Amino acid sequence: MAKLDEGEKPRRFYKAAASAPAAGGFAVLLDGRGAKTPAGARLILPTAALGDLVAAEWEAQEERIDTHAMGATRLAFTAIDRVAAARAAVAGEVASYAGSDLLCYRAEEPAALAERETAAWGPWLAWAQDRLGFALAASVGIAPIRQAPEALARAQALAAEMDDFALSGLAYAAALYGSAVLAFAVAAGALDAADAFELSRLDEAFQEERWGVDAEAAARTEVMRGQARMLGDWFAALS
């Protein structure tokens, strides 16, 4: 989606944003009035810390509201407006990422990259098997791997057990990393969200070491790093 021009961003229409206890959790208040999602639902967060995180994004806006800079707010909108009504489908999305998990595909060459991937990714596949109860097969190359149906069913069941806000973060993380395993590890607090992002881009980092950094690609990477940091804040605020 193209970024909106400055003139298309709505003006800040409130003086102060804060979070306060409300029925069902903690509400984001704009000048004392409850904020709402795009679908018109009340913006209610399940923990005080998450309410504060979202309210801080609203408070940080200047003359115009840049929703692209409000990652936690947008994720809260997703949890309330979409995930609450489509939990099975979202859990299925997470299982789909497990079925094509980045950690399962090792480079054929160069050997140094393949060794780096095996050393960095193997322990997290083992963690998923030991701690989560699903085993994913790994291979060399890009040929599709047919993962065991019971492993994917287990991943989907684990996702479905989460509440709307944790499930929203999990699905966002799986898409960002290209890995359900890394997403589950971050959600469980076993792996830092920013470290998970670096694990997900081992190939890109290796190529940058060999050939240098492309400015446009670097800018995209920084945006994604920011998204990973937001995810870390999101799960920390949920716990």
C-alpha atoms as a PDB file:
ATOM      1  CA  MET A   1       0.000   0.000   0.000  1.00  0.00           C
ATOM      2  CA  ALA A   2       1.411   3.378  -0.997  1.00  0.00           C
ATOM      3  CA  LYS A   3       2.120   5.801   1.805  1.00  0.00           C
ATOM      4  CA  LEU A   4      -0.413   8.583   2.078  1.00  0.00           C
ATOM      5  CA  ASP A   5       0.660  12.105   1.206  1.00  0.00           C
ATOM      6  CA  GLU A   6       0.919  14.514   4.116  1.00  0.00           C
ATOM      7  CA  GLY A   7      -2.254  16.272   2.968  1.00  0.00           C
ATOM      8  CA  GLU A   8      -4.184  12.997   3.083  1.00  0.00           C
ATOM      9  CA  LYS A   9      -3.329  12.247   6.689  1.00  0.00           C
ATOM     10  CA  PRO A  10      -6.072  13.309   9.089  1.00  0.00           C
ATOM     11  CA  ARG A  11      -5.364  16.212  11.380  1.00  0.00           C
ATOM     12  CA  ARG A  12      -4.846  15.520  15.057  1.00  0.00           C
ATOM     13  CA  PHE A  13      -8.242  16.330  16.543  1.00  0.00           C
ATOM     14  CA  TYR A  14      -7.460  15.781  20.235  1.00  0.00           C
ATOM     15  CA  LYS A  15      -5.166  17.397  22.779  1.00  0.00           C
ATOM     16  CA  ALA A  16      -4.241  14.406  24.908  1.00  0.00           C
ATOM     17  CA  ALA A  17      -4.292  10.613  24.686  1.00  0.00           C
ATOM     18  CA  ALA A  18      -4.262   8.280  27.669  1.00  0.00           C
ATOM     19  CA  SER A  19      -5.309   4.814  28.794  1.00  0.00           C
ATOM     20  CA  ALA A  20      -7.731   4.116  31.629  1.00  0.00           C
ATOM     21  CA  PRO A  21      -9.559   1.099  33.109  1.00  0.00           C
ATOM     22  CA  ALA A  22     -12.843   0.315  31.375  1.00  0.00           C
ATOM     23  CA  ALA A  23     -15.322  -2.524  31.081  1.00  0.00           C
ATOM     24  CA  GLY A  24     -13.463  -5.401  29.465  1.00  0.00           C
ATOM     25  CA  GLY A  25      -9.959  -4.023  29.925  1.00  0.00           C
ATOM     26  CA  PHE A  26      -8.255  -0.700  29.350  1.00  0.00           C
ATOM     27  CA  ALA A  27      -9.586   1.945  26.986  1.00  0.00           C
ATOM     28  CA  VAL A  28      -7.643   4.432  24.904  1.00  0.00           C
ATOM     29  CA  LEU A  29      -9.083   7.870  25.624  1.00  0.00           C
ATOM     30  CA  LEU A  30      -8.714  10.905  23.391  1.00  0.00           C
ATOM     31  CA  ASP A  31      -9.539  13.998  25.445  1.00  0.00           C
ATOM     32  CA  GLY A  32     -11.400  11.694  27.789  1.00  0.00           C
ATOM     33  CA  ARG A  33     -13.496  10.062  25.092  1.00  0.00           C
ATOM     34  CA  GLY A  34     -13.056   6.446  24.102  1.00  0.00           C
ATOM     35  CA  ALA A  35     -11.262   5.880  20.792  1.00  0.00           C
ATOM     36  CA  LYS A  36     -12.799   3.484  18.304  1.00  0.00           C
ATOM     37  CA  THR A  37     -11.558   1.062  15.675  1.00  0.00           C
ATOM     38  CA  PRO A  38     -12.223   1.585  11.953  1.00  0.00           C
ATOM     39  CA  ALA A  39     -15.213  -0.755  12.290  1.00  0.00           C
ATOM     40  CA  GLY A  40     -16.630   1.345  15.120  1.00  0.00           C
ATOM     41  CA  ALA A  41     -15.783  -0.922  18.059  1.00  0.00           C
ATOM     42  CA  ARG A  42     -14.386   0.479  21.285  1.00  0.00           C
ATOM     43  CA  LEU A  43     -10.588   0.433  21.406  1.00  0.00           C
ATOM     44  CA  ILE A  44     -10.230  -1.715  24.520  1.00  0.00           C
ATOM     45  CA  LEU A  45      -6.951  -3.490  25.317  1.00  0.00           C
ATOM     46  CA  PRO A  46      -6.657  -6.493  27.653  1.00  0.00           C
ATOM     47  CA  THR A  47      -3.788  -5.218  29.848  1.00  0.00           C
ATOM     48  CA  ALA A  48      -2.804  -1.859  31.310  1.00  0.00           C
ATOM     49  CA  ALA A  49       0.612  -2.103  29.633  1.00  0.00           C
ATOM     50  CA  LEU A  50      -0.916  -2.677  26.205  1.00  0.00           C
ATOM     51  CA  GLY A  51      -3.354   0.167  26.758  1.00  0.00           C
ATOM     52  CA  ASP A  52      -0.424   2.430  27.605  1.00  0.00           C
ATOM     53  CA  LEU A  53       1.520   1.255  24.543  1.00  0.00           C
ATOM     54  CA  VAL A  54      -1.336   2.068  22.168  1.00  0.00           C
ATOM     55  CA  ALA A  55      -2.181   5.352  23.900  1.00  0.00           C
ATOM     56  CA  ALA A  56       1.470   6.408  23.640  1.00  0.00           C
ATOM     57  CA  GLU A  57       1.288   6.055  19.856  1.00  0.00           C
ATOM     58  CA  TRP A  58      -1.721   8.392  19.759  1.00  0.00           C
ATOM     59  CA  GLU A  59       0.008  10.849  22.078  1.00  0.00           C
ATOM     60  CA  ALA A  60       3.133  10.827  19.873  1.00  0.00           C
ATOM     61  CA  GLN A  61       1.240  12.072  16.803  1.00  0.00           C
ATOM     62  CA  GLU A  62       1.902  15.653  15.833  1.00  0.00           C
ATOM     63  CA  GLU A  63      -0.187  17.944  13.655  1.00  0.00           C
ATOM     64  CA  ARG A  64      -1.334  15.050  11.494  1.00  0.00           C
ATOM     65  CA  ILE A  65      -1.977  11.430  12.400  1.00  0.00           C
ATOM     66  CA  ASP A  66       0.383   9.017  10.659  1.00  0.00           C
ATOM     67  CA  THR A  67      -1.214   5.609  11.103  1.00  0.00           C
ATOM     68  CA  HIS A  68       1.769   3.985   9.371  1.00  0.00           C
ATOM     69  CA  ALA A  69       3.824   4.922  12.430  1.00  0.00           C
ATOM     70  CA  MET A  70       1.247   3.413  14.812  1.00  0.00           C
ATOM     71  CA  GLY A  71       2.007  -0.286  14.561  1.00  0.00           C
ATOM     72  CA  ALA A  72       0.532  -1.338  17.899  1.00  0.00           C
ATOM     73  CA  THR A  73      -2.646   0.622  17.205  1.00  0.00           C
ATOM     74  CA  ARG A  74      -3.071  -1.015  13.826  1.00  0.00           C
ATOM     75  CA  LEU A  75      -2.449  -4.445  15.331  1.00  0.00           C
ATOM     76  CA  ALA A  76      -5.067  -3.707  18.003  1.00  0.00           C
ATOM     77  CA  PHE A  77      -7.521  -2.747  15.263  1.00  0.00           C
ATOM     78  CA  THR A  78      -6.795  -6.083  13.580  1.00  0.00           C
ATOM     79  CA  ALA A  79      -7.340  -8.017  16.800  1.00  0.00           C
ATOM     80  CA  ILE A  80     -10.671  -6.346  17.484  1.00  0.00           C
ATOM     81  CA  ASP A  81     -12.126  -5.904  13.999  1.00  0.00           C
ATOM     82  CA  ARG A  82     -10.809  -8.985  12.189  1.00  0.00           C
ATOM     83  CA  VAL A  83      -9.315 -11.684  14.373  1.00  0.00           C
ATOM     84  CA  ALA A  84     -12.145 -11.829  16.899  1.00  0.00           C
ATOM     85  CA  ALA A  85     -14.497 -12.863  14.090  1.00  0.00           C
ATOM     86  CA  ALA A  86     -12.108 -15.100  12.152  1.00  0.00           C
ATOM     87  CA  ARG A  87     -10.036 -16.964  14.716  1.00  0.00           C
ATOM     88  CA  ALA A  88     -10.007 -20.304  12.890  1.00  0.00           C
ATOM     89  CA  ALA A  89      -8.883 -18.687   9.648  1.00  0.00           C
ATOM     90  CA  VAL A  90      -6.087 -16.757  11.345  1.00  0.00           C
ATOM     91  CA  ALA A  91      -4.881 -19.866  13.171  1.00  0.00           C
ATOM     92  CA  GLY A  92      -4.914 -21.569   9.786  1.00  0.00           C
ATOM     93  CA  GLU A  93      -2.704 -18.794   8.395  1.00  0.00           C
ATOM     94  CA  VAL A  94      -0.159 -19.502  11.116  1.00  0.00           C
ATOM     95  CA  ALA A  95      -0.232 -23.208  10.261  1.00  0.00           C
ATOM     96  CA  SER A  96       0.352 -22.306   6.609  1.00  0.00           C
ATOM     97  CA  TYR A  97       3.542 -20.498   7.604  1.00  0.00           C
ATOM     98  CA  ALA A  98       4.589 -23.609   9.512  1.00  0.00           C
ATOM     99  CA  GLY A  99       4.018 -25.581   6.321  1.00  0.00           C
ATOM    100  CA  SER A 100       6.503 -23.414   4.437  1.00  0.00           C
ATOM    101  CA  ASP A 101       8.618 -22.302   7.379  1.00  0.00           C
ATOM    102  CA  LEU A 102      11.748 -20.371   6.455  1.00  0.00           C
ATOM    103  CA  LEU A 103      13.820 -22.328   8.960  1.00  0.00           C
ATOM    104  CA  CYS A 104      13.225 -25.534   7.024  1.00  0.00           C
ATOM    105  CA  TYR A 105      14.945 -24.379   3.819  1.00  0.00           C
ATOM    106  CA  ARG A 106      18.726 -24.297   3.905  1.00  0.00           C
ATOM    107  CA  ALA A 107      20.906 -22.859   1.160  1.00  0.00           C
ATOM    108  CA  GLU A 108      22.582 -25.289  -1.226  1.00  0.00           C
ATOM    109  CA  GLU A 109      25.577 -22.986  -1.540  1.00  0.00           C
ATOM    110  CA  PRO A 110      27.792 -21.354  -0.545  1.00  0.00           C
ATOM    111  CA  ALA A 111      28.746 -23.747   2.215  1.00  0.00           C
ATOM    112  CA  ALA A 112      29.424 -20.920   4.657  1.00  0.00           C
ATOM    113  CA  LEU A 113      25.830 -19.719   4.398  1.00  0.00           C
ATOM    114  CA  ALA A 114      24.418 -23.243   4.721  1.00  0.00           C
ATOM    115  CA  GLU A 115      26.496 -23.791   7.850  1.00  0.00           C
ATOM    116  CA  ARG A 116      25.357 -20.486   9.316  1.00  0.00           C
ATOM    117  CA  GLU A 117      21.699 -21.323   8.694  1.00  0.00           C
ATOM    118  CA  THR A 118      22.004 -24.803  10.158  1.00  0.00           C
ATOM    119  CA  ALA A 119      23.716 -23.512  13.285  1.00  0.00           C
ATOM    120  CA  ALA A 120      21.259 -20.652  13.806  1.00  0.00           C
ATOM    121  CA  TRP A 121      17.982 -22.270  12.759  1.00  0.00           C
ATOM    122  CA  GLY A 122      18.400 -25.876  13.861  1.00  0.00           C
ATOM    123  CA  PRO A 123      18.066 -25.119  17.586  1.00  0.00           C
ATOM    124  CA  TRP A 124      14.732 -23.360  17.029  1.00  0.00           C
ATOM    125  CA  LEU A 125      13.296 -26.271  15.074  1.00  0.00           C
ATOM    126  CA  ALA A 126      14.396 -28.476  17.978  1.00  0.00           C
ATOM    127  CA  TRP A 127      12.760 -26.020  20.397  1.00  0.00           C
ATOM    128  CA  ALA A 128       9.473 -26.268  18.500  1.00  0.00           C
ATOM    129  CA  GLN A 129       9.587 -30.046  18.696  1.00  0.00           C
ATOM    130  CA  ASP A 130      10.545 -30.160  22.377  1.00  0.00           C
ATOM    131  CA  ARG A 131       8.487 -27.270  23.762  1.00  0.00           C
ATOM    132  CA  LEU A 132       5.548 -26.999  21.361  1.00  0.00           C
ATOM    133  CA  GLY A 133       5.158 -30.594  20.275  1.00  0.00           C
ATOM    134  CA  PHE A 134       5.432 -30.255  16.530  1.00  0.00           C
ATOM    135  CA  ALA A 135       8.360 -31.393  14.398  1.00  0.00           C
ATOM    136  CA  LEU A 136       9.107 -29.792  11.039  1.00  0.00           C
ATOM    137  CA  ALA A 137      11.393 -31.422   8.486  1.00  0.00           C
ATOM    138  CA  ALA A 138      14.277 -29.418   7.032  1.00  0.00           C
ATOM    139  CA  SER A 139      15.934 -29.764   3.647  1.00  0.00           C
ATOM    140  CA  VAL A 140      18.547 -28.205   1.391  1.00  0.00           C
ATOM    141  CA  GLY A 141      17.327 -26.140  -1.529  1.00  0.00           C
ATOM    142  CA  ILE A 142      13.993 -24.556  -2.392  1.00  0.00           C
ATOM    143  CA  ALA A 143      12.009 -27.637  -3.424  1.00  0.00           C
ATOM    144  CA  PRO A 144       8.764 -27.681  -1.400  1.00  0.00           C
ATOM    145  CA  ILE A 145       8.751 -29.864   1.699  1.00  0.00           C
ATOM    146  CA  ARG A 146       5.569 -31.711   2.587  1.00  0.00           C
ATOM    147  CA  GLN A 147       5.319 -31.318   6.344  1.00  0.00           C
ATOM    148  CA  ALA A 148       3.524 -33.904   8.441  1.00  0.00           C
ATOM    149  CA  PRO A 149      -0.202 -33.098   8.718  1.00  0.00           C
ATOM    150  CA  GLU A 150      -0.118 -33.747  12.460  1.00  0.00           C
ATOM    151  CA  ALA A 151       2.630 -31.132  12.880  1.00  0.00           C
ATOM    152  CA  LEU A 152       0.600 -28.501  11.060  1.00  0.00           C
ATOM    153  CA  ALA A 153      -2.522 -29.456  12.990  1.00  0.00           C
ATOM    154  CA  ARG A 154      -0.596 -29.023  16.232  1.00  0.00           C
ATOM    155  CA  ALA A 155       0.646 -25.579  15.158  1.00  0.00           C
ATOM    156  CA  GLN A 156      -2.900 -24.539  14.257  1.00  0.00           C
ATOM    157  CA  ALA A 157      -4.273 -25.838  17.562  1.00  0.00           C
ATOM    158  CA  LEU A 158      -1.646 -23.923  19.548  1.00  0.00           C
ATOM    159  CA  ALA A 159      -2.471 -20.736  17.671  1.00  0.00           C
ATOM    160  CA  ALA A 160      -6.188 -21.233  18.227  1.00  0.00           C
ATOM    161  CA  GLU A 161      -5.633 -21.486  21.992  1.00  0.00           C
ATOM    162  CA  MET A 162      -4.355 -17.900  22.130  1.00  0.00           C
ATOM    163  CA  ASP A 163      -6.586 -14.920  22.864  1.00  0.00           C
ATOM    164  CA  ASP A 164      -7.417 -12.482  20.074  1.00  0.00           C
ATOM    165  CA  PHE A 165      -4.543 -10.114  20.845  1.00  0.00           C
ATOM    166  CA  ALA A 166      -1.855 -12.787  21.197  1.00  0.00           C
ATOM    167  CA  LEU A 167      -3.124 -14.537  18.057  1.00  0.00           C
ATOM    168  CA  SER A 168      -3.003 -11.264  16.133  1.00  0.00           C
ATOM    169  CA  GLY A 169       0.600 -10.731  17.185  1.00  0.00           C
ATOM    170  CA  LEU A 170       1.484 -14.327  16.346  1.00  0.00           C
ATOM    171  CA  ALA A 171       0.062 -14.088  12.826  1.00  0.00           C
ATOM    172  CA  TYR A 172       1.780 -10.736  12.254  1.00  0.00           C
ATOM    173  CA  ALA A 173       5.081 -12.200  13.447  1.00  0.00           C
ATOM    174  CA  ALA A 174       4.774 -15.302  11.260  1.00  0.00           C
ATOM    175  CA  ALA A 175       4.265 -13.097   8.209  1.00  0.00           C
ATOM    176  CA  LEU A 176       7.105 -10.744   9.138  1.00  0.00           C
ATOM    177  CA  TYR A 177       9.589 -13.555   9.733  1.00  0.00           C
ATOM    178  CA  GLY A 178       8.269 -16.036   7.187  1.00  0.00           C
ATOM    179  CA  SER A 179       8.387 -18.494  10.061  1.00  0.00           C
ATOM    180  CA  ALA A 180       5.751 -19.804  12.432  1.00  0.00           C
ATOM    181  CA  VAL A 181       8.488 -21.273  14.618  1.00  0.00           C
ATOM    182  CA  LEU A 182      10.138 -17.892  15.191  1.00  0.00           C
ATOM    183  CA  ALA A 183       6.722 -16.341  15.769  1.00  0.00           C
ATOM    184  CA  PHE A 184       5.821 -18.901  18.441  1.00  0.00           C
ATOM    185  CA  ALA A 185       9.224 -18.431  20.102  1.00  0.00           C
ATOM    186  CA  VAL A 186       8.715 -14.675  20.313  1.00  0.00           C
ATOM    187  CA  ALA A 187       5.147 -15.039  21.580  1.00  0.00           C
ATOM    188  CA  ALA A 188       6.374 -17.450  24.275  1.00  0.00           C
ATOM    189  CA  GLY A 189       9.096 -15.071  25.394  1.00  0.00           C
ATOM    190  CA  ALA A 190      11.792 -17.571  24.423  1.00  0.00           C
ATOM    191  CA  LEU A 191      13.286 -15.310  21.755  1.00  0.00           C
ATOM    192  CA  ASP A 192      13.639 -11.544  21.455  1.00  0.00           C
ATOM    193  CA  ALA A 193      11.518 -10.182  18.612  1.00  0.00           C
ATOM    194  CA  ALA A 194      14.387  -8.164  17.135  1.00  0.00           C
ATOM    195  CA  ASP A 195      16.730 -11.158  17.329  1.00  0.00           C
ATOM    196  CA  ALA A 196      14.095 -13.256  15.563  1.00  0.00           C
ATOM    197  CA  PHE A 197      14.050 -10.752  12.718  1.00  0.00           C
ATOM    198  CA  GLU A 198      17.807 -11.002  12.324  1.00  0.00           C
ATOM    199  CA  LEU A 199      17.518 -14.787  12.249  1.00  0.00           C
ATOM    200  CA  SER A 200      14.910 -14.489   9.508  1.00  0.00           C
ATOM    201  CA  ARG A 201      17.252 -12.512   7.252  1.00  0.00           C
ATOM    202  CA  LEU A 202      20.446 -14.550   7.518  1.00  0.00           C
ATOM    203  CA  ASP A 203      20.573 -14.963   3.750  1.00  0.00           C
ATOM    204  CA  GLU A 204      20.176 -11.228   3.118  1.00  0.00           C
ATOM    205  CA  ALA A 205      22.811 -10.380   5.726  1.00  0.00           C
ATOM    206  CA  PHE A 206      25.223 -12.882   4.166  1.00  0.00           C
ATOM    207  CA  GLN A 207      24.740 -11.340   0.725  1.00  0.00           C
ATOM    208  CA  GLU A 208      25.281  -7.862   2.150  1.00  0.00           C
ATOM    209  CA  GLU A 209      28.587  -9.009   3.655  1.00  0.00           C
ATOM    210  CA  ARG A 210      29.716 -10.239   0.250  1.00  0.00           C
ATOM    211  CA  TRP A 211      28.307  -7.613  -2.099  1.00  0.00           C
ATOM    212  CA  GLY A 212      27.504  -4.561  -0.017  1.00  0.00           C
ATOM    213  CA  VAL A 213      24.269  -2.938   1.099  1.00  0.00           C
ATOM    214  CA  ASP A 214      21.658  -1.612  -1.332  1.00  0.00           C
ATOM    215  CA  ALA A 215      20.199   1.646  -0.036  1.00  0.00           C
ATOM    216  CA  GLU A 216      16.601   0.870  -1.004  1.00  0.00           C
ATOM    217  CA  ALA A 217      16.765  -2.620   0.483  1.00  0.00           C
ATOM    218  CA  ALA A 218      18.356  -1.211   3.634  1.00  0.00           C
ATOM    219  CA  ALA A 219      15.477   1.231   4.040  1.00  0.00           C
ATOM    220  CA  ARG A 220      12.942  -1.601   3.777  1.00  0.00           C
ATOM    221  CA  THR A 221      14.923  -3.616   6.304  1.00  0.00           C
ATOM    222  CA  GLU A 222      14.860  -0.753   8.807  1.00  0.00           C
ATOM    223  CA  VAL A 223      11.090  -0.511   8.480  1.00  0.00           C
ATOM    224  CA  MET A 224      10.800  -4.228   9.184  1.00  0.00           C
ATOM    225  CA  ARG A 225      13.169  -3.932  12.142  1.00  0.00           C
ATOM    226  CA  GLY A 226      10.848  -1.315  13.539  1.00  0.00           C
ATOM    227  CA  GLN A 227       7.926  -3.695  13.106  1.00  0.00           C
ATOM    228  CA  ALA A 228       9.866  -6.384  14.959  1.00  0.00           C
ATOM    229  CA  ARG A 229      10.577  -4.007  17.841  1.00  0.00           C
ATOM    230  CA  MET A 230       6.883  -3.172  18.013  1.00  0.00           C
ATOM    231  CA  LEU A 231       6.080  -6.884  18.224  1.00  0.00           C
ATOM    232  CA  GLY A 232       8.492  -7.237  21.107  1.00  0.00           C
ATOM    233  CA  ASP A 233       6.716  -4.404  22.916  1.00  0.00           C
ATOM    234  CA  TRP A 234       3.334  -5.940  22.058  1.00  0.00           C
ATOM    235  CA  PHE A 235       4.066  -9.354  23.564  1.00  0.00           C
ATOM    236  CA  ALA A 236       5.829  -7.841  26.571  1.00  0.00           C
ATOM    237  CA  ALA A 237       2.760  -5.693  27.236  1.00  0.00           C
ATOM    238  CA  LEU A 238       0.490  -8.721  26.948  1.00  0.00           C
ATOM    239  CA  SER A 239       2.432 -10.825  29.443  1.00  0.00           C
END
